[in-house]
Amino acid sequence: MGARESLVRWDDSFSLGLEQIDEQHKVLFDIMNQLWSAIVRRAGGDEMLRIVDELEHYTVSHFRAEEAFMQNTGFAGFDEHRQLHANFVQRIRNARNDILQGKQVSLDLLHFLRDWLVLHIQAEDRAYATAYENTRQGGGVLGRFFGRFLRK
């Protein structure tokens, strides 16, 4: 995908220092860039629906893994963080329903998704990453933990 076709680019400012989570975030950026590219190309509803379905599926899987990790590590802001996740997923589901009704994916929605994800990673996710780093006792736990959720 060319530079003009990217809605959001990964850079080190998004890194939480938690490799598995960072990799998942990169995938979310890639899916959003696919959606952006489809809008720019004026792709049909079937392609838009496929991408939004992929975004929803991956987001739900990622959030489930993140939330399990937060619970497992005793993150104090878990309930609020989970509600933010639920709201984001609902926006994706609303977009899916709009596509099914023949509506186009709006640039406003895409910008909302991008801005939400960027700010969420840099503020909300960084909070649990910092809390984890402050209480971490072992190095290999994170990889084993997230591996359970990402196997297909």
N, C-alpha and C. Protein backbone atom coordinates (compact mmCIF):
# COMPACT_ATOMS: atom_id res chain seq x y z
N MET A 1 0.85 -1.17 0.00
CA MET A 1 0.00 0.00 0.00
C MET A 1 0.90 1.23 0.00
N GLY A 2 0.66 2.17 -0.88
CA GLY A 2 1.49 3.37 -0.99
C GLY A 2 1.24 4.33 0.15
N ALA A 3 2.14 5.30 0.27
CA ALA A 3 2.05 6.27 1.37
C ALA A 3 0.74 7.03 1.33
N ARG A 4 0.26 7.37 0.13
CA ARG A 4 -0.98 8.13 0.03
C ARG A 4 -2.19 7.30 0.41
N GLU A 5 -2.04 5.98 0.40
CA GLU A 5 -3.15 5.11 0.72
C GLU A 5 -3.17 4.70 2.19
N SER A 6 -2.27 5.23 3.01
CA SER A 6 -2.22 4.89 4.42
C SER A 6 -2.97 5.94 5.23
N LEU A 7 -3.86 5.45 6.05
CA LEU A 7 -4.58 6.33 6.96
C LEU A 7 -3.77 6.57 8.22
N VAL A 8 -3.09 5.54 8.66
CA VAL A 8 -2.30 5.62 9.88
C VAL A 8 -1.08 4.73 9.71
N ARG A 9 0.05 5.21 10.18
CA ARG A 9 1.30 4.46 10.10
C ARG A 9 1.82 4.16 11.50
N TRP A 10 2.31 2.96 11.66
CA TRP A 10 2.91 2.58 12.94
C TRP A 10 4.25 3.27 13.08
N ASP A 11 4.51 3.77 14.26
CA ASP A 11 5.85 4.22 14.60
C ASP A 11 6.10 3.90 16.07
N ASP A 12 7.31 4.09 16.49
CA ASP A 12 7.69 3.67 17.85
C ASP A 12 6.92 4.38 18.96
N SER A 13 6.31 5.52 18.66
CA SER A 13 5.54 6.20 19.70
C SER A 13 4.32 5.38 20.13
N PHE A 14 3.90 4.42 19.30
CA PHE A 14 2.76 3.57 19.64
C PHE A 14 3.17 2.34 20.44
N SER A 15 4.45 2.05 20.47
CA SER A 15 4.92 0.83 21.12
C SER A 15 4.71 0.90 22.62
N LEU A 16 4.14 -0.19 23.15
CA LEU A 16 3.96 -0.30 24.59
C LEU A 16 5.09 -1.06 25.25
N GLY A 17 5.99 -1.61 24.43
CA GLY A 17 7.06 -2.42 24.98
C GLY A 17 6.59 -3.82 25.33
N LEU A 18 5.38 -4.18 24.87
CA LEU A 18 4.81 -5.51 25.07
C LEU A 18 4.63 -6.09 23.67
N GLU A 19 5.57 -6.93 23.27
CA GLU A 19 5.69 -7.32 21.86
C GLU A 19 4.40 -7.87 21.26
N GLN A 20 3.73 -8.77 21.95
CA GLN A 20 2.53 -9.37 21.40
C GLN A 20 1.41 -8.34 21.20
N ILE A 21 1.27 -7.45 22.15
CA ILE A 21 0.24 -6.41 22.03
C ILE A 21 0.61 -5.46 20.90
N ASP A 22 1.87 -5.06 20.83
CA ASP A 22 2.30 -4.18 19.75
C ASP A 22 2.03 -4.81 18.39
N GLU A 23 2.29 -6.10 18.26
CA GLU A 23 2.04 -6.78 16.98
C GLU A 23 0.55 -6.79 16.65
N GLN A 24 -0.27 -6.99 17.64
CA GLN A 24 -1.73 -6.95 17.41
C GLN A 24 -2.17 -5.55 16.98
N HIS A 25 -1.62 -4.54 17.61
CA HIS A 25 -1.96 -3.17 17.23
C HIS A 25 -1.55 -2.89 15.78
N LYS A 26 -0.41 -3.40 15.38
CA LYS A 26 0.03 -3.22 13.98
C LYS A 26 -0.97 -3.85 13.02
N VAL A 27 -1.50 -5.01 13.38
CA VAL A 27 -2.52 -5.65 12.53
C VAL A 27 -3.76 -4.77 12.44
N LEU A 28 -4.17 -4.20 13.56
CA LEU A 28 -5.34 -3.30 13.54
C LEU A 28 -5.08 -2.10 12.63
N PHE A 29 -3.89 -1.55 12.68
CA PHE A 29 -3.54 -0.44 11.78
C PHE A 29 -3.64 -0.90 10.33
N ASP A 30 -3.14 -2.10 10.05
CA ASP A 30 -3.17 -2.62 8.69
C ASP A 30 -4.61 -2.78 8.19
N ILE A 31 -5.48 -3.30 9.03
CA ILE A 31 -6.88 -3.48 8.62
C ILE A 31 -7.53 -2.12 8.37
N MET A 32 -7.25 -1.15 9.21
CA MET A 32 -7.81 0.19 8.98
C MET A 32 -7.28 0.78 7.68
N ASN A 33 -6.02 0.54 7.38
CA ASN A 33 -5.47 1.02 6.11
C ASN A 33 -6.11 0.31 4.92
N GLN A 34 -6.46 -0.95 5.08
CA GLN A 34 -7.18 -1.66 4.02
C GLN A 34 -8.54 -1.01 3.78
N LEU A 35 -9.22 -0.65 4.88
CA LEU A 35 -10.52 0.00 4.76
C LEU A 35 -10.37 1.36 4.08
N TRP A 36 -9.37 2.11 4.46
CA TRP A 36 -9.08 3.40 3.85
C TRP A 36 -8.85 3.24 2.34
N SER A 37 -8.02 2.27 1.98
CA SER A 37 -7.73 2.01 0.58
C SER A 37 -9.01 1.66 -0.19
N ALA A 38 -9.86 0.86 0.41
CA ALA A 38 -11.12 0.48 -0.24
C ALA A 38 -12.01 1.70 -0.46
N ILE A 39 -12.02 2.62 0.50
CA ILE A 39 -12.82 3.84 0.33
C ILE A 39 -12.25 4.69 -0.79
N VAL A 40 -10.93 4.86 -0.81
CA VAL A 40 -10.27 5.66 -1.84
C VAL A 40 -10.55 5.07 -3.23
N ARG A 41 -10.55 3.75 -3.34
CA ARG A 41 -10.80 3.08 -4.62
C ARG A 41 -12.28 2.96 -4.95
N ARG A 42 -13.13 3.41 -4.02
CA ARG A 42 -14.58 3.28 -4.17
C ARG A 42 -15.00 1.83 -4.39
N ALA A 43 -14.45 0.98 -3.53
CA ALA A 43 -14.74 -0.45 -3.61
C ALA A 43 -16.22 -0.71 -3.34
N GLY A 44 -16.68 -1.84 -3.80
CA GLY A 44 -18.08 -2.21 -3.61
C GLY A 44 -18.39 -2.64 -2.19
N GLY A 45 -19.68 -2.79 -1.94
CA GLY A 45 -20.15 -3.15 -0.61
C GLY A 45 -19.63 -4.48 -0.11
N ASP A 46 -19.47 -5.45 -1.01
CA ASP A 46 -18.97 -6.76 -0.58
C ASP A 46 -17.55 -6.66 -0.02
N GLU A 47 -16.70 -5.89 -0.69
CA GLU A 47 -15.33 -5.73 -0.20
C GLU A 47 -15.32 -4.95 1.11
N MET A 48 -16.12 -3.90 1.19
CA MET A 48 -16.20 -3.11 2.43
C MET A 48 -16.67 -3.99 3.58
N LEU A 49 -17.69 -4.81 3.31
CA LEU A 49 -18.22 -5.68 4.35
C LEU A 49 -17.15 -6.68 4.80
N ARG A 50 -16.40 -7.24 3.86
CA ARG A 50 -15.34 -8.18 4.21
C ARG A 50 -14.31 -7.53 5.13
N ILE A 51 -13.92 -6.30 4.81
CA ILE A 51 -12.90 -5.62 5.61
C ILE A 51 -13.45 -5.25 6.99
N VAL A 52 -14.68 -4.74 7.03
CA VAL A 52 -15.28 -4.38 8.33
C VAL A 52 -15.48 -5.63 9.18
N ASP A 53 -15.88 -6.74 8.55
CA ASP A 53 -15.98 -8.00 9.30
C ASP A 53 -14.63 -8.41 9.87
N GLU A 54 -13.58 -8.27 9.07
CA GLU A 54 -12.24 -8.60 9.54
C GLU A 54 -11.84 -7.68 10.70
N LEU A 55 -12.14 -6.40 10.56
CA LEU A 55 -11.83 -5.45 11.63
C LEU A 55 -12.57 -5.82 12.90
N GLU A 56 -13.85 -6.14 12.77
CA GLU A 56 -14.63 -6.51 13.95
C GLU A 56 -14.07 -7.78 14.60
N HIS A 57 -13.85 -8.81 13.79
CA HIS A 57 -13.36 -10.08 14.33
C HIS A 57 -12.02 -9.90 15.04
N TYR A 58 -11.09 -9.22 14.37
CA TYR A 58 -9.76 -9.08 14.96
C TYR A 58 -9.82 -8.19 16.21
N THR A 59 -10.62 -7.13 16.15
CA THR A 59 -10.74 -6.24 17.30
C THR A 59 -11.30 -6.97 18.50
N VAL A 60 -12.35 -7.75 18.30
CA VAL A 60 -12.94 -8.51 19.40
C VAL A 60 -11.91 -9.49 19.98
N SER A 61 -11.19 -10.18 19.12
CA SER A 61 -10.16 -11.13 19.60
C SER A 61 -9.07 -10.40 20.38
N HIS A 62 -8.62 -9.28 19.82
CA HIS A 62 -7.57 -8.51 20.48
C HIS A 62 -8.05 -7.99 21.84
N PHE A 63 -9.25 -7.42 21.87
CA PHE A 63 -9.77 -6.88 23.13
C PHE A 63 -9.97 -7.99 24.16
N ARG A 64 -10.43 -9.14 23.72
CA ARG A 64 -10.61 -10.26 24.65
C ARG A 64 -9.27 -10.65 25.28
N ALA A 65 -8.22 -10.71 24.45
CA ALA A 65 -6.90 -11.05 24.97
C ALA A 65 -6.39 -9.97 25.91
N GLU A 66 -6.56 -8.71 25.50
CA GLU A 66 -6.11 -7.60 26.34
C GLU A 66 -6.83 -7.61 27.69
N GLU A 67 -8.13 -7.82 27.66
CA GLU A 67 -8.91 -7.80 28.89
C GLU A 67 -8.54 -8.96 29.80
N ALA A 68 -8.29 -10.12 29.24
CA ALA A 68 -7.85 -11.25 30.05
C ALA A 68 -6.50 -10.95 30.68
N PHE A 69 -5.62 -10.33 29.90
CA PHE A 69 -4.32 -9.95 30.42
C PHE A 69 -4.46 -8.95 31.57
N MET A 70 -5.33 -7.95 31.38
CA MET A 70 -5.53 -6.95 32.44
C MET A 70 -6.07 -7.59 33.70
N GLN A 71 -7.03 -8.50 33.54
CA GLN A 71 -7.57 -9.19 34.72
C GLN A 71 -6.50 -10.04 35.39
N ASN A 72 -5.74 -10.75 34.59
CA ASN A 72 -4.70 -11.63 35.11
C ASN A 72 -3.63 -10.85 35.86
N THR A 73 -3.36 -9.63 35.43
CA THR A 73 -2.32 -8.83 36.08
C THR A 73 -2.90 -7.87 37.13
N GLY A 74 -4.22 -7.91 37.34
CA GLY A 74 -4.84 -7.10 38.38
C GLY A 74 -4.89 -5.62 38.08
N PHE A 75 -5.03 -5.25 36.81
CA PHE A 75 -5.06 -3.84 36.43
C PHE A 75 -6.27 -3.14 37.05
N ALA A 76 -6.02 -2.07 37.79
CA ALA A 76 -7.08 -1.37 38.54
C ALA A 76 -8.12 -0.71 37.64
N GLY A 77 -7.76 -0.31 36.44
CA GLY A 77 -8.70 0.38 35.56
C GLY A 77 -9.43 -0.54 34.60
N PHE A 78 -9.52 -1.82 34.96
CA PHE A 78 -10.08 -2.81 34.04
C PHE A 78 -11.51 -2.50 33.60
N ASP A 79 -12.41 -2.21 34.52
CA ASP A 79 -13.82 -2.02 34.17
C ASP A 79 -14.00 -0.87 33.18
N GLU A 80 -13.32 0.23 33.43
CA GLU A 80 -13.43 1.39 32.53
C GLU A 80 -12.84 1.06 31.16
N HIS A 81 -11.73 0.35 31.16
CA HIS A 81 -11.06 -0.01 29.91
C HIS A 81 -11.96 -0.93 29.09
N ARG A 82 -12.58 -1.89 29.75
CA ARG A 82 -13.47 -2.83 29.05
C ARG A 82 -14.65 -2.08 28.44
N GLN A 83 -15.18 -1.08 29.11
CA GLN A 83 -16.30 -0.30 28.56
C GLN A 83 -15.86 0.48 27.32
N LEU A 84 -14.66 1.03 27.33
CA LEU A 84 -14.14 1.71 26.14
C LEU A 84 -14.06 0.74 24.96
N HIS A 85 -13.63 -0.47 25.24
CA HIS A 85 -13.56 -1.49 24.19
C HIS A 85 -14.95 -1.79 23.64
N ALA A 86 -15.92 -1.96 24.53
CA ALA A 86 -17.28 -2.28 24.10
C ALA A 86 -17.84 -1.18 23.21
N ASN A 87 -17.59 0.06 23.56
CA ASN A 87 -18.08 1.19 22.75
C ASN A 87 -17.45 1.19 21.36
N PHE A 88 -16.17 0.88 21.29
CA PHE A 88 -15.48 0.85 20.00
C PHE A 88 -16.04 -0.26 19.12
N VAL A 89 -16.22 -1.43 19.69
CA VAL A 89 -16.77 -2.56 18.93
C VAL A 89 -18.18 -2.22 18.43
N GLN A 90 -18.95 -1.54 19.25
CA GLN A 90 -20.31 -1.17 18.82
C GLN A 90 -20.26 -0.24 17.62
N ARG A 91 -19.32 0.67 17.59
CA ARG A 91 -19.19 1.55 16.41
C ARG A 91 -18.88 0.75 15.15
N ILE A 92 -18.04 -0.26 15.28
CA ILE A 92 -17.73 -1.12 14.14
C ILE A 92 -18.98 -1.89 13.71
N ARG A 93 -19.73 -2.40 14.67
CA ARG A 93 -20.96 -3.15 14.34
C ARG A 93 -21.99 -2.24 13.68
N ASN A 94 -22.07 -1.01 14.13
CA ASN A 94 -22.99 -0.06 13.49
C ASN A 94 -22.58 0.17 12.04
N ALA A 95 -21.28 0.28 11.79
CA ALA A 95 -20.79 0.46 10.42
C ALA A 95 -21.14 -0.75 9.57
N ARG A 96 -21.00 -1.92 10.14
CA ARG A 96 -21.35 -3.15 9.42
C ARG A 96 -22.83 -3.14 9.04
N ASN A 97 -23.67 -2.77 9.99
CA ASN A 97 -25.11 -2.70 9.70
C ASN A 97 -25.41 -1.68 8.62
N ASP A 98 -24.72 -0.56 8.64
CA ASP A 98 -24.90 0.46 7.59
C ASP A 98 -24.56 -0.10 6.22
N ILE A 99 -23.46 -0.84 6.14
CA ILE A 99 -23.05 -1.44 4.86
C ILE A 99 -24.12 -2.42 4.39
N LEU A 100 -24.64 -3.22 5.30
CA LEU A 100 -25.68 -4.18 4.95
C LEU A 100 -26.94 -3.49 4.43
N GLN A 101 -27.16 -2.25 4.86
CA GLN A 101 -28.31 -1.47 4.40
C GLN A 101 -28.00 -0.66 3.15
N GLY A 102 -26.81 -0.90 2.58
CA GLY A 102 -26.45 -0.24 1.33
C GLY A 102 -25.78 1.11 1.48
N LYS A 103 -25.47 1.50 2.71
CA LYS A 103 -24.80 2.78 2.95
C LYS A 103 -23.29 2.63 2.77
N GLN A 104 -22.64 3.74 2.46
CA GLN A 104 -21.19 3.77 2.32
C GLN A 104 -20.54 3.96 3.70
N VAL A 105 -19.32 3.48 3.83
CA VAL A 105 -18.54 3.75 5.05
C VAL A 105 -18.12 5.21 4.97
N SER A 106 -18.43 5.96 6.00
CA SER A 106 -18.12 7.39 5.97
C SER A 106 -16.68 7.66 6.39
N LEU A 107 -16.14 8.73 5.84
CA LEU A 107 -14.81 9.15 6.26
C LEU A 107 -14.82 9.57 7.73
N ASP A 108 -15.93 10.14 8.19
CA ASP A 108 -16.03 10.50 9.60
C ASP A 108 -15.85 9.28 10.49
N LEU A 109 -16.49 8.18 10.12
CA LEU A 109 -16.35 6.96 10.90
C LEU A 109 -14.90 6.48 10.88
N LEU A 110 -14.31 6.46 9.71
CA LEU A 110 -12.94 5.99 9.59
C LEU A 110 -11.98 6.86 10.40
N HIS A 111 -12.18 8.16 10.36
CA HIS A 111 -11.34 9.05 11.16
C HIS A 111 -11.58 8.84 12.65
N PHE A 112 -12.83 8.60 13.04
CA PHE A 112 -13.12 8.28 14.44
C PHE A 112 -12.36 7.03 14.87
N LEU A 113 -12.46 5.96 14.04
CA LEU A 113 -11.79 4.71 14.39
C LEU A 113 -10.29 4.91 14.52
N ARG A 114 -9.70 5.63 13.57
CA ARG A 114 -8.26 5.88 13.61
C ARG A 114 -7.89 6.69 14.86
N ASP A 115 -8.58 7.79 15.07
CA ASP A 115 -8.25 8.65 16.21
C ASP A 115 -8.45 7.92 17.53
N TRP A 116 -9.54 7.17 17.62
CA TRP A 116 -9.80 6.43 18.85
C TRP A 116 -8.68 5.43 19.10
N LEU A 117 -8.30 4.67 18.08
CA LEU A 117 -7.27 3.65 18.26
C LEU A 117 -5.94 4.28 18.66
N VAL A 118 -5.55 5.33 17.96
CA VAL A 118 -4.27 5.99 18.26
C VAL A 118 -4.27 6.52 19.70
N LEU A 119 -5.31 7.25 20.07
CA LEU A 119 -5.36 7.81 21.42
C LEU A 119 -5.50 6.72 22.48
N HIS A 120 -6.25 5.68 22.15
CA HIS A 120 -6.44 4.58 23.09
C HIS A 120 -5.11 3.88 23.38
N ILE A 121 -4.35 3.62 22.35
CA ILE A 121 -3.05 2.97 22.54
C ILE A 121 -2.13 3.87 23.36
N GLN A 122 -2.07 5.14 22.99
CA GLN A 122 -1.11 6.04 23.62
C GLN A 122 -1.48 6.42 25.05
N ALA A 123 -2.75 6.31 25.41
CA ALA A 123 -3.15 6.69 26.78
C ALA A 123 -3.64 5.48 27.57
N GLU A 124 -4.75 4.91 27.14
CA GLU A 124 -5.38 3.83 27.92
C GLU A 124 -4.53 2.57 27.97
N ASP A 125 -4.05 2.10 26.81
CA ASP A 125 -3.24 0.88 26.81
C ASP A 125 -1.90 1.12 27.49
N ARG A 126 -1.35 2.30 27.32
CA ARG A 126 -0.08 2.60 27.98
C ARG A 126 -0.24 2.51 29.50
N ALA A 127 -1.42 2.84 30.01
CA ALA A 127 -1.65 2.77 31.47
C ALA A 127 -1.51 1.34 31.98
N TYR A 128 -2.12 0.37 31.27
CA TYR A 128 -1.97 -1.00 31.78
C TYR A 128 -0.59 -1.56 31.49
N ALA A 129 0.03 -1.13 30.40
CA ALA A 129 1.40 -1.59 30.11
C ALA A 129 2.36 -1.10 31.18
N THR A 130 2.20 0.15 31.59
CA THR A 130 3.04 0.71 32.64
C THR A 130 2.79 0.00 33.97
N ALA A 131 1.52 -0.26 34.28
CA ALA A 131 1.19 -0.98 35.51
C ALA A 131 1.81 -2.37 35.50
N TYR A 132 1.74 -3.04 34.34
CA TYR A 132 2.34 -4.36 34.22
C TYR A 132 3.85 -4.30 34.42
N GLU A 133 4.49 -3.37 33.74
CA GLU A 133 5.95 -3.25 33.85
C GLU A 133 6.37 -2.97 35.29
N ASN A 134 5.54 -2.22 36.02
CA ASN A 134 5.86 -1.90 37.41
C ASN A 134 5.73 -3.11 38.33
N THR A 135 4.96 -4.11 37.93
CA THR A 135 4.74 -5.27 38.80
C THR A 135 5.29 -6.57 38.21
N ARG A 136 5.91 -6.48 37.05
CA ARG A 136 6.36 -7.68 36.33
C ARG A 136 7.38 -8.46 37.15
N GLN A 137 7.22 -9.77 37.09
CA GLN A 137 8.14 -10.63 37.83
C GLN A 137 8.89 -11.60 36.93
N GLY A 138 8.34 -11.87 35.73
CA GLY A 138 9.00 -12.82 34.85
C GLY A 138 8.89 -12.40 33.41
N GLY A 139 9.85 -12.78 32.56
CA GLY A 139 9.88 -12.34 31.17
C GLY A 139 9.01 -13.12 30.21
N GLY A 140 8.90 -14.44 30.34
CA GLY A 140 8.22 -15.23 29.33
C GLY A 140 6.72 -15.34 29.51
N VAL A 141 6.19 -14.78 30.57
CA VAL A 141 4.77 -14.91 30.88
C VAL A 141 3.91 -14.29 29.79
N LEU A 142 4.27 -13.13 29.31
CA LEU A 142 3.46 -12.41 28.33
C LEU A 142 3.27 -13.22 27.06
N GLY A 143 4.33 -13.76 26.52
CA GLY A 143 4.23 -14.53 25.28
C GLY A 143 3.34 -15.76 25.44
N ARG A 144 3.51 -16.48 26.53
CA ARG A 144 2.68 -17.66 26.77
C ARG A 144 1.23 -17.26 26.96
N PHE A 145 1.00 -16.17 27.68
CA PHE A 145 -0.37 -15.72 27.94
C PHE A 145 -1.08 -15.37 26.65
N PHE A 146 -0.48 -14.50 25.81
CA PHE A 146 -1.15 -14.07 24.60
C PHE A 146 -1.23 -15.17 23.54
N GLY A 147 -0.32 -16.09 23.56
CA GLY A 147 -0.35 -17.18 22.60
C GLY A 147 -1.64 -18.00 22.68
N ARG A 148 -2.22 -18.08 23.86
CA ARG A 148 -3.48 -18.84 24.01
C ARG A 148 -4.62 -18.21 23.24
N PHE A 149 -4.60 -16.90 23.05
CA PHE A 149 -5.73 -16.20 22.43
C PHE A 149 -5.59 -16.03 20.93
N LEU A 150 -4.40 -16.10 20.42
CA LEU A 150 -4.20 -15.78 19.01
C LEU A 150 -4.08 -17.01 18.13
N ARG A 151 -4.11 -18.18 18.70
CA ARG A 151 -4.08 -19.40 17.90
C ARG A 151 -5.42 -19.57 17.21
N LYS A 152 -5.36 -19.95 15.95
CA LYS A 152 -6.63 -20.15 15.22
C LYS A 152 -6.90 -21.61 15.03
